[in-house]
Protein backbone atom coordinates (compact mmCIF):
# COMPACT_ATOMS: atom_id res chain seq x y z
CA MET A 1 78.96 6.31 31.77
CA THR A 2 77.29 3.91 29.36
CA PHE A 3 77.44 0.14 29.53
CA VAL A 4 79.88 0.23 26.60
CA GLU A 5 82.31 2.44 28.56
CA GLY A 6 82.03 0.22 31.62
CA GLY A 7 82.07 -3.03 29.69
CA ILE A 8 79.14 -5.22 28.77
CA ASP A 9 77.99 -7.55 31.55
CA LYS A 10 75.53 -10.45 31.54
CA LEU A 11 72.54 -8.23 32.36
CA ASP A 12 73.35 -6.00 29.38
CA ILE A 13 73.51 -9.02 27.09
CA ILE A 14 70.19 -10.35 28.42
CA THR A 15 68.57 -6.93 27.99
CA ILE A 16 69.82 -6.60 24.43
CA SER A 17 68.60 -10.13 23.65
CA ILE A 18 65.13 -9.41 25.00
CA LEU A 19 64.83 -6.18 23.03
CA SER A 20 66.11 -7.92 19.91
CA SER A 21 63.47 -10.63 20.37
CA PHE A 22 60.73 -8.00 20.54
CA ILE A 23 62.02 -6.40 17.34
CA ASN A 24 62.06 -9.75 15.55
CA LEU A 25 58.55 -10.46 16.81
CA LEU A 26 57.35 -7.13 15.42
CA LYS A 27 58.91 -7.92 12.06
CA GLU A 28 57.12 -11.27 11.96
CA TYR A 29 53.78 -9.66 12.83
CA SER A 30 54.17 -7.29 9.91
CA LYS A 31 54.40 -10.37 7.65
CA SER A 32 51.47 -12.11 9.32
CA GLU A 33 48.29 -12.79 7.39
CA ASP A 34 46.07 -12.51 10.48
CA ASN A 35 43.23 -10.05 10.35
CA ASN A 36 44.06 -6.45 11.19
CA GLN A 37 42.32 -6.42 14.58
CA SER A 38 44.29 -9.44 15.74
CA ARG A 39 47.54 -7.77 14.70
CA VAL A 40 46.58 -4.52 16.42
CA ASN A 41 45.74 -6.40 19.63
CA SER A 42 49.05 -8.25 19.50
CA LEU A 43 51.01 -5.09 18.86
CA ASN A 44 49.22 -3.34 21.72
CA TYR A 45 50.26 -6.17 24.04
CA ILE A 46 53.86 -5.96 22.83
CA ILE A 47 53.95 -2.19 23.32
CA GLU A 48 52.52 -2.55 26.83
CA SER A 49 55.17 -5.15 27.66
CA LEU A 50 57.93 -2.90 26.33
CA ASN A 51 56.65 0.01 28.42
CA GLN A 52 56.71 -2.16 31.54
CA SER A 53 60.22 -3.33 30.71
CA LEU A 54 61.37 0.24 30.16
CA SER A 55 60.06 1.19 33.58
CA ILE A 56 62.05 -1.64 35.17
CA PHE A 57 65.21 -0.70 33.24
CA ARG A 58 64.88 2.94 34.38
CA LYS A 59 64.51 1.89 38.04
CA GLU A 60 67.52 -0.41 37.81
CA ARG A 61 69.58 2.33 36.18
CA ALA A 62 68.58 4.77 38.93
CA ASN A 63 69.58 2.22 41.59
CA ILE A 64 72.96 1.70 39.93
CA ILE A 65 73.57 5.45 39.73
CA LYS A 66 72.72 5.83 43.45
CA VAL A 67 75.32 3.20 44.36
CA ARG A 68 78.09 5.11 42.60
């Protein structure tokens, strides 16, 4: 069951908002006039943060599935 089938709750909305913010941030960095190394460092940080978030989302999903 996906969150759409079960209805969207506040956590889903927060998660979507966070991911949307990361996407907007990436779009802005692509427009940035900073030097390439600065952009690469920033993108590396963003990717690392997304990976950490994904790990948390997977754990939460697993916990929810166990409860059912």
